Amino acid sequence: MPGTEGDSEDDDTVSKQVKANTQQNEQANDDDALEDTPKSKGSNKRIEQKVQKDSETIQVQQLLEKIDEYENKIEDYKSELDKVNKELEQLRGDNQKLKDENSSLLRVISQLSSMKPLK
């Protein structure tokens, strides 16, 4: 899970590896300038592949962190939606009670209106 202490150590390790690989790559480029042999070309190729792999690993970790953030936001929105739906059901119940009371009051008023006044 991104955001844990272990992941922070992994990020530091990957970061150190990328820096080391970049330095090795730079050193290999300097060495290649001095000596352009098949051995140095193969070594340089392996270093480039390692740097590429490390870069991809970092990108995957960043994407996983974003996914985790989005999942947390979705959970927050679901919780808020549940709360709003409960309030809506309560309001619908209150509305129905008011309609029933209104109907009863109208019947009483109608009956009172139809009564003959007392003298």
N, C-alpha and C. Protein backbone atom coordinates (compact mmCIF):
# COMPACT_ATOMS: atom_id res chain seq x y z
N MET A 1 0.84 -1.19 0.00
CA MET A 1 0.00 0.00 0.00
C MET A 1 0.88 1.24 0.00
N PRO A 2 0.70 2.16 -0.89
CA PRO A 2 1.47 3.40 -0.88
C PRO A 2 1.17 4.20 0.37
N GLY A 3 2.20 4.93 0.81
CA GLY A 3 2.00 5.78 1.96
C GLY A 3 2.45 5.14 3.26
N THR A 4 2.90 3.88 3.21
CA THR A 4 3.36 3.25 4.44
C THR A 4 4.85 3.50 4.59
N GLU A 5 5.35 3.22 5.78
CA GLU A 5 6.75 3.47 6.06
C GLU A 5 7.65 2.62 5.19
N GLY A 6 7.27 1.37 4.97
CA GLY A 6 8.05 0.48 4.12
C GLY A 6 8.15 1.00 2.71
N ASP A 7 7.09 1.60 2.19
CA ASP A 7 7.11 2.14 0.84
C ASP A 7 8.05 3.33 0.75
N SER A 8 8.12 4.10 1.81
CA SER A 8 9.03 5.24 1.83
C SER A 8 10.46 4.75 1.70
N GLU A 9 10.79 3.68 2.41
CA GLU A 9 12.12 3.10 2.31
C GLU A 9 12.35 2.57 0.91
N ASP A 10 11.32 1.93 0.31
CA ASP A 10 11.44 1.42 -1.05
C ASP A 10 11.67 2.57 -2.02
N ASP A 11 10.94 3.67 -1.84
CA ASP A 11 11.11 4.84 -2.70
C ASP A 11 12.53 5.37 -2.59
N ASP A 12 13.06 5.43 -1.36
CA ASP A 12 14.43 5.90 -1.15
C ASP A 12 15.41 4.97 -1.85
N THR A 13 15.18 3.67 -1.73
CA THR A 13 16.06 2.69 -2.35
C THR A 13 16.03 2.84 -3.86
N VAL A 14 14.83 2.95 -4.42
CA VAL A 14 14.70 3.10 -5.87
C VAL A 14 15.36 4.40 -6.31
N SER A 15 15.14 5.45 -5.55
CA SER A 15 15.75 6.74 -5.88
C SER A 15 17.27 6.64 -5.88
N LYS A 16 17.82 5.97 -4.87
CA LYS A 16 19.28 5.80 -4.79
C LYS A 16 19.78 4.96 -5.97
N GLN A 17 18.99 3.92 -6.33
CA GLN A 17 19.39 3.08 -7.44
C GLN A 17 19.40 3.87 -8.75
N VAL A 18 18.37 4.70 -8.93
CA VAL A 18 18.31 5.50 -10.15
C VAL A 18 19.49 6.46 -10.22
N LYS A 19 19.81 7.10 -9.10
CA LYS A 19 20.96 8.01 -9.08
C LYS A 19 22.25 7.26 -9.38
N ALA A 20 22.41 6.09 -8.74
CA ALA A 20 23.62 5.30 -8.96
C ALA A 20 23.69 4.85 -10.41
N ASN A 21 22.58 4.42 -10.96
CA ASN A 21 22.57 3.98 -12.36
C ASN A 21 22.85 5.14 -13.30
N THR A 22 22.32 6.30 -12.98
CA THR A 22 22.59 7.47 -13.80
C THR A 22 24.07 7.81 -13.78
N GLN A 23 24.66 7.75 -12.58
CA GLN A 23 26.09 8.02 -12.46
C GLN A 23 26.90 6.98 -13.22
N GLN A 24 26.47 5.72 -13.11
CA GLN A 24 27.18 4.66 -13.83
C GLN A 24 27.05 4.88 -15.34
N ASN A 25 25.87 5.30 -15.75
CA ASN A 25 25.64 5.56 -17.16
C ASN A 25 26.53 6.70 -17.66
N GLU A 26 26.62 7.76 -16.85
CA GLU A 26 27.49 8.88 -17.21
C GLU A 26 28.94 8.43 -17.28
N GLN A 27 29.35 7.62 -16.31
CA GLN A 27 30.72 7.10 -16.28
C GLN A 27 30.97 6.22 -17.49
N ALA A 28 29.95 5.39 -17.82
CA ALA A 28 30.09 4.52 -18.97
C ALA A 28 30.20 5.34 -20.25
N ASN A 29 29.45 6.42 -20.34
CA ASN A 29 29.55 7.29 -21.52
C ASN A 29 30.93 7.91 -21.61
N ASP A 30 31.48 8.32 -20.46
CA ASP A 30 32.84 8.87 -20.45
C ASP A 30 33.84 7.82 -20.88
N ASP A 31 33.67 6.60 -20.37
CA ASP A 31 34.57 5.51 -20.72
C ASP A 31 34.45 5.17 -22.20
N ASP A 32 33.20 5.21 -22.72
CA ASP A 32 32.98 4.92 -24.13
C ASP A 32 33.67 5.95 -25.02
N ALA A 33 33.74 7.16 -24.55
CA ALA A 33 34.41 8.19 -25.33
C ALA A 33 35.90 7.86 -25.44
N LEU A 34 36.46 7.25 -24.38
CA LEU A 34 37.87 6.90 -24.40
C LEU A 34 38.10 5.59 -25.14
N GLU A 35 37.19 4.64 -24.94
CA GLU A 35 37.39 3.32 -25.54
C GLU A 35 36.04 2.80 -26.04
N ASP A 36 35.87 2.66 -27.31
CA ASP A 36 34.61 2.22 -27.89
C ASP A 36 34.73 0.76 -28.31
N THR A 37 34.62 -0.12 -27.31
CA THR A 37 34.74 -1.56 -27.57
C THR A 37 33.38 -2.20 -27.45
N PRO A 38 33.20 -3.41 -27.98
CA PRO A 38 31.93 -4.11 -27.84
C PRO A 38 31.57 -4.34 -26.38
N LYS A 39 32.57 -4.56 -25.53
CA LYS A 39 32.29 -4.79 -24.11
C LYS A 39 31.67 -3.55 -23.48
N SER A 40 32.21 -2.37 -23.77
CA SER A 40 31.68 -1.15 -23.18
C SER A 40 30.29 -0.84 -23.73
N LYS A 41 30.06 -1.17 -25.00
CA LYS A 41 28.73 -0.96 -25.58
C LYS A 41 27.70 -1.84 -24.90
N GLY A 42 28.04 -3.09 -24.62
CA GLY A 42 27.13 -4.01 -23.93
C GLY A 42 26.85 -3.56 -22.51
N SER A 43 27.88 -3.09 -21.83
CA SER A 43 27.73 -2.61 -20.46
C SER A 43 26.83 -1.38 -20.44
N ASN A 44 27.07 -0.50 -21.40
CA ASN A 44 26.26 0.72 -21.49
C ASN A 44 24.80 0.36 -21.77
N LYS A 45 24.57 -0.61 -22.61
CA LYS A 45 23.22 -1.04 -22.95
C LYS A 45 22.52 -1.59 -21.71
N ARG A 46 23.22 -2.40 -20.91
CA ARG A 46 22.64 -2.95 -19.68
C ARG A 46 22.30 -1.83 -18.70
N ILE A 47 23.17 -0.87 -18.60
CA ILE A 47 22.92 0.25 -17.68
C ILE A 47 21.71 1.04 -18.16
N GLU A 48 21.60 1.29 -19.44
CA GLU A 48 20.45 2.01 -19.98
C GLU A 48 19.16 1.25 -19.72
N GLN A 49 19.21 -0.07 -19.87
CA GLN A 49 18.03 -0.89 -19.60
C GLN A 49 17.65 -0.82 -18.13
N LYS A 50 18.65 -0.85 -17.24
CA LYS A 50 18.40 -0.77 -15.80
C LYS A 50 17.79 0.59 -15.44
N VAL A 51 18.31 1.66 -16.02
CA VAL A 51 17.77 3.00 -15.76
C VAL A 51 16.33 3.06 -16.25
N GLN A 52 16.07 2.49 -17.41
CA GLN A 52 14.72 2.48 -17.96
C GLN A 52 13.78 1.71 -17.04
N LYS A 53 14.23 0.55 -16.57
CA LYS A 53 13.41 -0.27 -15.68
C LYS A 53 13.14 0.47 -14.36
N ASP A 54 14.16 1.12 -13.82
CA ASP A 54 13.98 1.89 -12.58
C ASP A 54 13.00 3.03 -12.79
N SER A 55 13.09 3.68 -13.92
CA SER A 55 12.18 4.79 -14.23
C SER A 55 10.74 4.28 -14.33
N GLU A 56 10.56 3.13 -14.97
CA GLU A 56 9.23 2.54 -15.08
C GLU A 56 8.69 2.15 -13.71
N THR A 57 9.57 1.63 -12.85
CA THR A 57 9.15 1.25 -11.50
C THR A 57 8.66 2.46 -10.72
N ILE A 58 9.36 3.56 -10.86
CA ILE A 58 8.96 4.79 -10.18
C ILE A 58 7.61 5.27 -10.72
N GLN A 59 7.43 5.20 -12.03
CA GLN A 59 6.16 5.62 -12.62
C GLN A 59 5.01 4.74 -12.13
N VAL A 60 5.25 3.44 -12.03
CA VAL A 60 4.22 2.53 -11.54
C VAL A 60 3.87 2.86 -10.10
N GLN A 61 4.88 3.13 -9.28
CA GLN A 61 4.61 3.48 -7.88
C GLN A 61 3.81 4.77 -7.79
N GLN A 62 4.12 5.74 -8.61
CA GLN A 62 3.37 6.99 -8.60
C GLN A 62 1.93 6.76 -9.02
N LEU A 63 1.73 5.91 -10.02
CA LEU A 63 0.37 5.60 -10.45
C LEU A 63 -0.40 4.87 -9.36
N LEU A 64 0.25 3.95 -8.66
CA LEU A 64 -0.41 3.24 -7.56
C LEU A 64 -0.80 4.20 -6.45
N GLU A 65 0.04 5.17 -6.18
CA GLU A 65 -0.30 6.17 -5.15
C GLU A 65 -1.51 6.98 -5.59
N LYS A 66 -1.57 7.36 -6.86
CA LYS A 66 -2.72 8.12 -7.35
C LYS A 66 -3.99 7.27 -7.28
N ILE A 67 -3.88 6.01 -7.63
CA ILE A 67 -5.04 5.12 -7.56
C ILE A 67 -5.54 5.03 -6.13
N ASP A 68 -4.61 4.92 -5.19
CA ASP A 68 -4.98 4.85 -3.77
C ASP A 68 -5.68 6.12 -3.33
N GLU A 69 -5.17 7.27 -3.77
CA GLU A 69 -5.81 8.55 -3.44
C GLU A 69 -7.24 8.60 -4.00
N TYR A 70 -7.39 8.19 -5.26
CA TYR A 70 -8.72 8.20 -5.88
C TYR A 70 -9.67 7.25 -5.18
N GLU A 71 -9.17 6.08 -4.78
CA GLU A 71 -10.03 5.12 -4.07
C GLU A 71 -10.48 5.71 -2.73
N ASN A 72 -9.58 6.41 -2.05
CA ASN A 72 -9.95 7.06 -0.79
C ASN A 72 -11.01 8.13 -1.02
N LYS A 73 -10.85 8.91 -2.08
CA LYS A 73 -11.85 9.95 -2.40
C LYS A 73 -13.20 9.31 -2.72
N ILE A 74 -13.17 8.22 -3.46
CA ILE A 74 -14.41 7.53 -3.80
C ILE A 74 -15.11 7.05 -2.54
N GLU A 75 -14.36 6.49 -1.60
CA GLU A 75 -14.94 6.03 -0.34
C GLU A 75 -15.55 7.21 0.43
N ASP A 76 -14.86 8.34 0.43
CA ASP A 76 -15.40 9.54 1.09
C ASP A 76 -16.70 9.97 0.44
N TYR A 77 -16.73 9.97 -0.90
CA TYR A 77 -17.94 10.36 -1.62
C TYR A 77 -19.08 9.38 -1.35
N LYS A 78 -18.78 8.09 -1.29
CA LYS A 78 -19.81 7.10 -0.99
C LYS A 78 -20.39 7.33 0.40
N SER A 79 -19.53 7.62 1.35
CA SER A 79 -19.97 7.88 2.72
C SER A 79 -20.87 9.11 2.76
N GLU A 80 -20.46 10.15 2.08
CA GLU A 80 -21.26 11.39 2.02
C GLU A 80 -22.59 11.12 1.33
N LEU A 81 -22.58 10.35 0.28
CA LEU A 81 -23.81 10.01 -0.45
C LEU A 81 -24.76 9.22 0.44
N ASP A 82 -24.25 8.28 1.20
CA ASP A 82 -25.09 7.51 2.13
C ASP A 82 -25.75 8.44 3.15
N LYS A 83 -24.97 9.38 3.66
CA LYS A 83 -25.49 10.34 4.64
C LYS A 83 -26.61 11.18 4.04
N VAL A 84 -26.40 11.66 2.83
CA VAL A 84 -27.40 12.49 2.15
C VAL A 84 -28.64 11.67 1.84
N ASN A 85 -28.48 10.41 1.44
CA ASN A 85 -29.63 9.56 1.16
C ASN A 85 -30.46 9.31 2.41
N LYS A 86 -29.80 9.14 3.56
CA LYS A 86 -30.54 8.96 4.82
C LYS A 86 -31.34 10.21 5.15
N GLU A 87 -30.72 11.37 4.96
CA GLU A 87 -31.43 12.63 5.21
C GLU A 87 -32.62 12.77 4.26
N LEU A 88 -32.44 12.37 3.00
CA LEU A 88 -33.51 12.45 2.02
C LEU A 88 -34.69 11.57 2.43
N GLU A 89 -34.41 10.35 2.87
CA GLU A 89 -35.48 9.46 3.32
C GLU A 89 -36.22 10.04 4.52
N GLN A 90 -35.48 10.65 5.45
CA GLN A 90 -36.09 11.29 6.62
C GLN A 90 -37.00 12.43 6.18
N LEU A 91 -36.53 13.24 5.23
CA LEU A 91 -37.33 14.36 4.73
C LEU A 91 -38.57 13.88 3.99
N ARG A 92 -38.45 12.79 3.26
CA ARG A 92 -39.62 12.23 2.57
C ARG A 92 -40.65 11.75 3.58
N GLY A 93 -40.18 11.12 4.65
CA GLY A 93 -41.10 10.68 5.70
C GLY A 93 -41.79 11.86 6.36
N ASP A 94 -41.01 12.90 6.68
CA ASP A 94 -41.59 14.11 7.28
C ASP A 94 -42.59 14.75 6.33
N ASN A 95 -42.28 14.78 5.04
CA ASN A 95 -43.17 15.36 4.04
C ASN A 95 -44.50 14.59 3.99
N GLN A 96 -44.42 13.27 4.04
CA GLN A 96 -45.64 12.46 4.00
C GLN A 96 -46.50 12.71 5.24
N LYS A 97 -45.88 12.84 6.40
CA LYS A 97 -46.63 13.13 7.63
C LYS A 97 -47.34 14.47 7.50
N LEU A 98 -46.65 15.47 6.97
CA LEU A 98 -47.26 16.79 6.80
C LEU A 98 -48.43 16.74 5.81
N LYS A 99 -48.28 15.97 4.75
CA LYS A 99 -49.38 15.82 3.79
C LYS A 99 -50.59 15.18 4.46
N ASP A 100 -50.34 14.15 5.27
CA ASP A 100 -51.44 13.47 5.97
C ASP A 100 -52.12 14.42 6.95
N GLU A 101 -51.35 15.20 7.70
CA GLU A 101 -51.91 16.16 8.64
C GLU A 101 -52.71 17.23 7.91
N ASN A 102 -52.17 17.70 6.79
CA ASN A 102 -52.86 18.71 5.98
C ASN A 102 -54.21 18.17 5.50
N SER A 103 -54.21 16.95 5.03
CA SER A 103 -55.44 16.34 4.55
C SER A 103 -56.47 16.23 5.68
N SER A 104 -56.01 15.84 6.87
CA SER A 104 -56.92 15.74 8.02
C SER A 104 -57.48 17.10 8.40
N LEU A 105 -56.64 18.10 8.41
CA LEU A 105 -57.10 19.46 8.74
C LEU A 105 -58.12 19.97 7.71
N LEU A 106 -57.88 19.67 6.45
CA LEU A 106 -58.84 20.09 5.42
C LEU A 106 -60.19 19.41 5.61
N ARG A 107 -60.20 18.15 6.00
CA ARG A 107 -61.47 17.45 6.26
C ARG A 107 -62.20 18.09 7.43
N VAL A 108 -61.46 18.41 8.49
CA VAL A 108 -62.08 19.04 9.66
C VAL A 108 -62.65 20.40 9.29
N ILE A 109 -61.88 21.19 8.54
CA ILE A 109 -62.36 22.51 8.12
C ILE A 109 -63.61 22.37 7.26
N SER A 110 -63.60 21.40 6.37
CA SER A 110 -64.75 21.17 5.50
C SER A 110 -65.98 20.80 6.32
N GLN A 111 -65.79 19.95 7.32
CA GLN A 111 -66.93 19.56 8.18
C GLN A 111 -67.42 20.75 9.00
N LEU A 112 -66.51 21.53 9.50
CA LEU A 112 -66.90 22.71 10.28
C LEU A 112 -67.62 23.72 9.39
N SER A 113 -67.20 23.86 8.17
CA SER A 113 -67.82 24.81 7.25
C SER A 113 -69.24 24.39 6.89
N SER A 114 -69.46 23.11 6.83
CA SER A 114 -70.79 22.63 6.43
C SER A 114 -71.76 22.61 7.60
N MET A 115 -71.31 22.81 8.81
CA MET A 115 -72.19 22.83 9.98
C MET A 115 -72.97 24.13 10.03
N LYS A 116 -74.19 24.04 10.55
CA LYS A 116 -75.01 25.23 10.70
C LYS A 116 -74.54 25.98 11.95
N PRO A 117 -74.48 27.26 11.84
CA PRO A 117 -74.05 28.03 13.01
C PRO A 117 -75.07 27.91 14.15
N LEU A 118 -74.61 27.91 15.34
CA LEU A 118 -75.46 27.88 16.53
C LEU A 118 -75.99 29.27 16.82
N LYS A 119 -77.29 29.33 17.23
CA LYS A 119 -77.87 30.62 17.55
C LYS A 119 -78.21 30.70 18.99
